[in-house]
Amino acid sequence: MIQGLYTIVDNSLTPEYSHLFLAEQFLQGGARILQLRRKGAIPPFEEARQIMALKKKYNFTFIVNDFMDLAREVNADGFHGGRDDPSPEESRKILGPGKIIGYSSHSLEEALEAEKRGADYVALGAIFPTATKGPGHPIQGLERLREVCQQVKIPVVAIGGINRTNVENVIQAGASAVAMISGLTKAKDIAGEVRWYVQHLS
């Protein structure tokens, strides 16, 4: 079930940390959903294997962003794609019926189309301005989030600029889960910050 805190293992803003370090910090804080996200042409095979190995110690759902072949090779729990990736139904054919398929959307139309084509959840962003997406990325805002949450039946993951000061508004708008990168990876105590959100979103 995609609900609560949805952590994203992405060190693009904190290159001093490895993906494995971030994943362990998230899990120590009580995270139950991890997505490995690394933009670029080279699939992060080693990082994905290292994170999968953490399943021996922690109970969590592991989703791979963008790299379908990687998700299949390491037997991840799911795949998260977007408009440049295979469609949700194609993804399910490749990975199998038991896997979680997520899809990034930037409008109500895209969210409804992803739901129609078999996505298990949609991510909507950026809700607020965020350094991760850059200045040209459209800002959705709380009203658009509320509209999407009201019209799609699958879980909506809100992402982009979410922090302690606005997370309650995001949940009240109807989001099933909240995803963060800089809000967690830039914290002085990453595991402690994750723990705060886990407790407030449970």
C-alpha atoms as a PDB file:
ATOM      1  CA  MET A   1       0.000   0.000   0.000  1.00  0.00           C
ATOM      2  CA  ILE A   2       1.383   3.393  -0.987  1.00  0.00           C
ATOM      3  CA  GLN A   3       0.660   5.473   2.080  1.00  0.00           C
ATOM      4  CA  GLY A   4       2.420   7.798   4.517  1.00  0.00           C
ATOM      5  CA  LEU A   5       6.051   8.706   3.922  1.00  0.00           C
ATOM      6  CA  TYR A   6       7.495   7.800   0.516  1.00  0.00           C
ATOM      7  CA  THR A   7      11.278   8.246   0.717  1.00  0.00           C
ATOM      8  CA  ILE A   8      13.413   8.830  -2.353  1.00  0.00           C
ATOM      9  CA  VAL A   9      17.020   7.665  -2.314  1.00  0.00           C
ATOM     10  CA  ASP A  10      18.623  10.419  -4.395  1.00  0.00           C
ATOM     11  CA  ASN A  11      21.989  11.981  -3.557  1.00  0.00           C
ATOM     12  CA  SER A  12      22.017  14.585  -6.334  1.00  0.00           C
ATOM     13  CA  LEU A  13      21.730  17.377  -3.752  1.00  0.00           C
ATOM     14  CA  THR A  14      23.961  15.650  -1.195  1.00  0.00           C
ATOM     15  CA  PRO A  15      26.745  13.918  -3.158  1.00  0.00           C
ATOM     16  CA  GLU A  16      28.730  13.446   0.026  1.00  0.00           C
ATOM     17  CA  TYR A  17      26.308  10.635   0.889  1.00  0.00           C
ATOM     18  CA  SER A  18      26.075   7.334  -0.954  1.00  0.00           C
ATOM     19  CA  HIS A  19      22.731   5.882  -1.984  1.00  0.00           C
ATOM     20  CA  LEU A  20      23.305   3.023   0.454  1.00  0.00           C
ATOM     21  CA  PHE A  21      23.950   5.436   3.342  1.00  0.00           C
ATOM     22  CA  LEU A  22      20.750   7.356   2.603  1.00  0.00           C
ATOM     23  CA  ALA A  23      18.743   4.150   2.297  1.00  0.00           C
ATOM     24  CA  GLU A  24      20.004   2.912   5.660  1.00  0.00           C
ATOM     25  CA  GLN A  25      19.263   6.250   7.322  1.00  0.00           C
ATOM     26  CA  PHE A  26      15.714   6.201   5.934  1.00  0.00           C
ATOM     27  CA  LEU A  27      15.147   2.649   7.140  1.00  0.00           C
ATOM     28  CA  GLN A  28      16.597   3.363  10.576  1.00  0.00           C
ATOM     29  CA  GLY A  29      14.060   6.180  10.824  1.00  0.00           C
ATOM     30  CA  GLY A  30      11.222   3.770  10.115  1.00  0.00           C
ATOM     31  CA  ALA A  31      10.635   4.309   6.379  1.00  0.00           C
ATOM     32  CA  ARG A  32       8.656   1.555   4.680  1.00  0.00           C
ATOM     33  CA  ILE A  33       8.829   2.761   1.067  1.00  0.00           C
ATOM     34  CA  LEU A  34      12.111   3.513  -0.730  1.00  0.00           C
ATOM     35  CA  GLN A  35      12.499   4.625  -4.315  1.00  0.00           C
ATOM     36  CA  LEU A  36      15.954   4.624  -5.901  1.00  0.00           C
ATOM     37  CA  ARG A  37      16.256   7.645  -8.169  1.00  0.00           C
ATOM     38  CA  ARG A  38      19.339   8.502 -10.175  1.00  0.00           C
ATOM     39  CA  LYS A  39      18.945  10.557 -13.308  1.00  0.00           C
ATOM     40  CA  GLY A  40      21.300   9.757 -16.165  1.00  0.00           C
ATOM     41  CA  ALA A  41      22.064   7.137 -18.761  1.00  0.00           C
ATOM     42  CA  ILE A  42      23.846   4.617 -16.522  1.00  0.00           C
ATOM     43  CA  PRO A  43      21.584   2.346 -14.443  1.00  0.00           C
ATOM     44  CA  PRO A  44      22.638   2.253 -10.763  1.00  0.00           C
ATOM     45  CA  PHE A  45      22.945  -1.542 -10.638  1.00  0.00           C
ATOM     46  CA  GLU A  46      25.327  -1.754  -7.686  1.00  0.00           C
ATOM     47  CA  GLU A  47      23.290   0.681  -5.603  1.00  0.00           C
ATOM     48  CA  ALA A  48      20.086  -1.242  -6.333  1.00  0.00           C
ATOM     49  CA  ARG A  49      21.667  -4.546  -5.284  1.00  0.00           C
ATOM     50  CA  GLN A  50      22.984  -2.985  -2.077  1.00  0.00           C
ATOM     51  CA  ILE A  51      19.554  -1.625  -1.189  1.00  0.00           C
ATOM     52  CA  MET A  52      17.845  -4.939  -1.994  1.00  0.00           C
ATOM     53  CA  ALA A  53      20.291  -6.621   0.397  1.00  0.00           C
ATOM     54  CA  LEU A  54      18.896  -4.444   3.197  1.00  0.00           C
ATOM     55  CA  LYS A  55      15.682  -6.472   2.983  1.00  0.00           C
ATOM     56  CA  LYS A  56      17.471  -9.096   5.100  1.00  0.00           C
ATOM     57  CA  LYS A  57      17.338  -6.615   7.972  1.00  0.00           C
ATOM     58  CA  TYR A  58      14.397  -4.290   7.222  1.00  0.00           C
ATOM     59  CA  ASN A  59      10.844  -4.726   5.958  1.00  0.00           C
ATOM     60  CA  PHE A  60      10.245  -2.235   3.140  1.00  0.00           C
ATOM     61  CA  THR A  61       8.936  -1.789  -0.384  1.00  0.00           C
ATOM     62  CA  PHE A  62      11.656  -1.046  -2.946  1.00  0.00           C
ATOM     63  CA  ILE A  63      10.790   0.821  -6.138  1.00  0.00           C
ATOM     64  CA  VAL A  64      13.197   1.686  -8.958  1.00  0.00           C
ATOM     65  CA  ASN A  65      12.770   4.936 -10.879  1.00  0.00           C
ATOM     66  CA  ASP A  66      13.282   5.093 -14.664  1.00  0.00           C
ATOM     67  CA  PHE A  67      15.330   1.917 -15.215  1.00  0.00           C
ATOM     68  CA  MET A  68      12.909  -0.864 -16.097  1.00  0.00           C
ATOM     69  CA  ASP A  69      15.597  -3.468 -16.835  1.00  0.00           C
ATOM     70  CA  LEU A  70      17.200  -2.738 -13.487  1.00  0.00           C
ATOM     71  CA  ALA A  71      13.903  -3.148 -11.640  1.00  0.00           C
ATOM     72  CA  ARG A  72      13.415  -6.518 -13.315  1.00  0.00           C
ATOM     73  CA  GLU A  73      16.993  -7.723 -12.801  1.00  0.00           C
ATOM     74  CA  VAL A  74      17.134  -7.059  -9.063  1.00  0.00           C
ATOM     75  CA  ASN A  75      13.499  -8.166  -8.588  1.00  0.00           C
ATOM     76  CA  ALA A  76      12.458  -4.845  -7.072  1.00  0.00           C
ATOM     77  CA  ASP A  77       8.947  -4.537  -5.701  1.00  0.00           C
ATOM     78  CA  GLY A  78       7.994  -1.999  -8.328  1.00  0.00           C
ATOM     79  CA  PHE A  79       8.869   0.531 -10.999  1.00  0.00           C
ATOM     80  CA  HIS A  80       8.194   4.244 -11.229  1.00  0.00           C
ATOM     81  CA  GLY A  81       8.082   5.837 -14.666  1.00  0.00           C
ATOM     82  CA  GLY A  82       6.944   8.897 -16.557  1.00  0.00           C
ATOM     83  CA  ARG A  83       6.043  10.068 -20.015  1.00  0.00           C
ATOM     84  CA  ASP A  84       9.375   8.926 -21.501  1.00  0.00           C
ATOM     85  CA  ASP A  85       9.120   5.423 -20.027  1.00  0.00           C
ATOM     86  CA  PRO A  86       6.976   2.400 -20.900  1.00  0.00           C
ATOM     87  CA  SER A  87       3.279   2.902 -20.166  1.00  0.00           C
ATOM     88  CA  PRO A  88       1.809   1.383 -16.995  1.00  0.00           C
ATOM     89  CA  GLU A  89       0.334  -1.571 -18.878  1.00  0.00           C
ATOM     90  CA  GLU A  90       3.606  -2.206 -20.716  1.00  0.00           C
ATOM     91  CA  SER A  91       5.484  -1.992 -17.431  1.00  0.00           C
ATOM     92  CA  ARG A  92       3.199  -4.584 -15.897  1.00  0.00           C
ATOM     93  CA  LYS A  93       3.711  -6.955 -18.815  1.00  0.00           C
ATOM     94  CA  ILE A  94       7.477  -6.677 -18.347  1.00  0.00           C
ATOM     95  CA  LEU A  95       7.610  -6.923 -14.547  1.00  0.00           C
ATOM     96  CA  GLY A  96       4.656  -9.179 -13.849  1.00  0.00           C
ATOM     97  CA  PRO A  97       1.248  -8.847 -12.181  1.00  0.00           C
ATOM     98  CA  GLY A  98       2.496  -8.708  -8.603  1.00  0.00           C
ATOM     99  CA  LYS A  99       4.651  -5.612  -8.985  1.00  0.00           C
ATOM    100  CA  ILE A 100       3.791  -2.006  -8.073  1.00  0.00           C
ATOM    101  CA  ILE A 101       3.628   0.417 -10.994  1.00  0.00           C
ATOM    102  CA  GLY A 102       3.865   4.139 -10.292  1.00  0.00           C
ATOM    103  CA  TYR A 103       3.671   6.996 -12.748  1.00  0.00           C
ATOM    104  CA  SER A 104       4.652  10.663 -12.577  1.00  0.00           C
ATOM    105  CA  SER A 105       1.928  13.079 -13.625  1.00  0.00           C
ATOM    106  CA  HIS A 106       1.918  16.838 -14.047  1.00  0.00           C
ATOM    107  CA  SER A 107      -1.789  17.400 -14.652  1.00  0.00           C
ATOM    108  CA  LEU A 108      -5.191  15.931 -13.883  1.00  0.00           C
ATOM    109  CA  GLU A 109      -5.347  14.564 -17.427  1.00  0.00           C
ATOM    110  CA  GLU A 110      -2.054  12.698 -17.054  1.00  0.00           C
ATOM    111  CA  ALA A 111      -3.110  11.297 -13.680  1.00  0.00           C
ATOM    112  CA  LEU A 112      -6.431  10.032 -15.039  1.00  0.00           C
ATOM    113  CA  GLU A 113      -4.710   8.504 -18.079  1.00  0.00           C
ATOM    114  CA  ALA A 114      -2.173   6.715 -15.862  1.00  0.00           C
ATOM    115  CA  GLU A 115      -4.998   5.337 -13.723  1.00  0.00           C
ATOM    116  CA  LYS A 116      -6.890   4.205 -16.814  1.00  0.00           C
ATOM    117  CA  ARG A 117      -3.792   2.419 -18.117  1.00  0.00           C
ATOM    118  CA  GLY A 118      -3.261   0.471 -14.934  1.00  0.00           C
ATOM    119  CA  ALA A 119      -0.963   2.445 -12.643  1.00  0.00           C
ATOM    120  CA  ASP A 120      -1.168   1.496  -8.973  1.00  0.00           C
ATOM    121  CA  TYR A 121      -0.457   5.077  -7.884  1.00  0.00           C
ATOM    122  CA  VAL A 122       0.421   8.437  -9.400  1.00  0.00           C
ATOM    123  CA  ALA A 123       2.890  11.049  -8.203  1.00  0.00           C
ATOM    124  CA  LEU A 124       1.933  14.693  -8.655  1.00  0.00           C
ATOM    125  CA  GLY A 125       4.421  17.532  -8.477  1.00  0.00           C
ATOM    126  CA  ALA A 126       5.888  19.825  -7.895  1.00  0.00           C
ATOM    127  CA  ILE A 127       3.390  20.902  -5.251  1.00  0.00           C
ATOM    128  CA  PHE A 128       5.668  23.753  -4.135  1.00  0.00           C
ATOM    129  CA  PRO A 129       8.865  25.226  -5.630  1.00  0.00           C
ATOM    130  CA  THR A 130      11.794  22.838  -5.259  1.00  0.00           C
ATOM    131  CA  ALA A 131      15.494  22.833  -6.113  1.00  0.00           C
ATOM    132  CA  THR A 132      15.254  19.218  -7.252  1.00  0.00           C
ATOM    133  CA  LYS A 133      13.021  20.011 -10.223  1.00  0.00           C
ATOM    134  CA  GLY A 134      14.501  23.356 -11.232  1.00  0.00           C
ATOM    135  CA  PRO A 135      12.894  26.703 -12.108  1.00  0.00           C
ATOM    136  CA  GLY A 136      11.167  25.557 -15.305  1.00  0.00           C
ATOM    137  CA  HIS A 137       9.127  22.817 -13.650  1.00  0.00           C
ATOM    138  CA  PRO A 138       5.398  23.621 -13.281  1.00  0.00           C
ATOM    139  CA  ILE A 139       4.140  24.278  -9.764  1.00  0.00           C
ATOM    140  CA  GLN A 140       0.894  22.430  -9.094  1.00  0.00           C
ATOM    141  CA  GLY A 141      -0.168  23.942  -5.781  1.00  0.00           C
ATOM    142  CA  LEU A 142      -2.603  22.600  -3.219  1.00  0.00           C
ATOM    143  CA  GLU A 143      -5.764  23.252  -5.264  1.00  0.00           C
ATOM    144  CA  ARG A 144      -4.530  21.150  -8.187  1.00  0.00           C
ATOM    145  CA  LEU A 145      -3.468  18.444  -5.755  1.00  0.00           C
ATOM    146  CA  ARG A 146      -6.921  18.472  -4.181  1.00  0.00           C
ATOM    147  CA  GLU A 147      -8.572  18.233  -7.606  1.00  0.00           C
ATOM    148  CA  VAL A 148      -6.450  15.253  -8.626  1.00  0.00           C
ATOM    149  CA  CYS A 149      -7.002  13.464  -5.311  1.00  0.00           C
ATOM    150  CA  GLN A 150     -10.770  13.918  -5.655  1.00  0.00           C
ATOM    151  CA  GLN A 151     -10.926  12.555  -9.208  1.00  0.00           C
ATOM    152  CA  VAL A 152      -8.548   9.600  -9.259  1.00  0.00           C
ATOM    153  CA  LYS A 153      -9.272   6.468  -7.275  1.00  0.00           C
ATOM    154  CA  ILE A 154      -5.686   5.266  -6.872  1.00  0.00           C
ATOM    155  CA  PRO A 155      -3.282   6.717  -4.270  1.00  0.00           C
ATOM    156  CA  VAL A 156      -1.710  10.095  -5.044  1.00  0.00           C
ATOM    157  CA  VAL A 157       1.860  10.760  -3.917  1.00  0.00           C
ATOM    158  CA  ALA A 158       2.564  14.477  -3.512  1.00  0.00           C
ATOM    159  CA  ILE A 159       6.132  15.615  -4.188  1.00  0.00           C
ATOM    160  CA  GLY A 160       8.025  18.873  -4.437  1.00  0.00           C
ATOM    161  CA  GLY A 161       8.955  21.395  -1.782  1.00  0.00           C
ATOM    162  CA  ILE A 162       7.207  19.556   1.046  1.00  0.00           C
ATOM    163  CA  ASN A 163       8.496  20.150   4.565  1.00  0.00           C
ATOM    164  CA  ARG A 164       7.344  20.274   8.179  1.00  0.00           C
ATOM    165  CA  THR A 165       5.580  23.599   7.719  1.00  0.00           C
ATOM    166  CA  ASN A 166       3.324  22.511   4.857  1.00  0.00           C
ATOM    167  CA  VAL A 167       3.007  18.718   5.083  1.00  0.00           C
ATOM    168  CA  GLU A 168      -0.268  18.924   7.026  1.00  0.00           C
ATOM    169  CA  ASN A 169      -1.826  21.008   4.239  1.00  0.00           C
ATOM    170  CA  VAL A 170      -0.717  18.410   1.698  1.00  0.00           C
ATOM    171  CA  ILE A 171      -2.382  15.593   3.639  1.00  0.00           C
ATOM    172  CA  GLN A 172      -5.551  17.646   4.121  1.00  0.00           C
ATOM    173  CA  ALA A 173      -5.679  18.137   0.341  1.00  0.00           C
ATOM    174  CA  GLY A 174      -6.078  14.370   0.025  1.00  0.00           C
ATOM    175  CA  ALA A 175      -2.600  12.990  -0.710  1.00  0.00           C
ATOM    176  CA  SER A 176      -2.164   9.360   0.321  1.00  0.00           C
ATOM    177  CA  ALA A 177       1.578   9.777   0.649  1.00  0.00           C
ATOM    178  CA  VAL A 178       4.236  12.479   0.581  1.00  0.00           C
ATOM    179  CA  ALA A 179       7.613  12.130  -1.109  1.00  0.00           C
ATOM    180  CA  MET A 180      10.671  14.198  -0.314  1.00  0.00           C
ATOM    181  CA  ILE A 181      14.288  14.437  -1.334  1.00  0.00           C
ATOM    182  CA  SER A 182      15.922  17.597   0.042  1.00  0.00           C
ATOM    183  CA  GLY A 183      13.514  17.697   3.006  1.00  0.00           C
ATOM    184  CA  LEU A 184      15.150  14.501   4.236  1.00  0.00           C
ATOM    185  CA  THR A 185      18.613  14.263   2.695  1.00  0.00           C
ATOM    186  CA  LYS A 186      19.617  17.761   3.823  1.00  0.00           C
ATOM    187  CA  ALA A 187      18.544  17.250   7.426  1.00  0.00           C
ATOM    188  CA  LYS A 188      21.269  17.225  10.075  1.00  0.00           C
ATOM    189  CA  ASP A 189      19.771  14.037  11.494  1.00  0.00           C
ATOM    190  CA  ILE A 190      18.343  12.166   8.520  1.00  0.00           C
ATOM    191  CA  ALA A 191      17.011   9.174  10.464  1.00  0.00           C
ATOM    192  CA  GLY A 192      15.478  11.508  13.042  1.00  0.00           C
ATOM    193  CA  GLU A 193      13.800  13.592  10.352  1.00  0.00           C
ATOM    194  CA  VAL A 194      12.353  10.470   8.744  1.00  0.00           C
ATOM    195  CA  ARG A 195      11.115   9.343  12.156  1.00  0.00           C
ATOM    196  CA  TRP A 196       9.285  12.647  12.629  1.00  0.00           C
ATOM    197  CA  TYR A 197       7.395  12.251   9.356  1.00  0.00           C
ATOM    198  CA  VAL A 198       6.656   8.569   9.946  1.00  0.00           C
ATOM    199  CA  GLN A 199       5.076   9.419  13.283  1.00  0.00           C
ATOM    200  CA  HIS A 200       3.079  12.373  11.920  1.00  0.00           C
ATOM    201  CA  LEU A 201       1.844  10.551   8.826  1.00  0.00           C
ATOM    202  CA  SER A 202       0.870   7.268  10.458  1.00  0.00           C
END
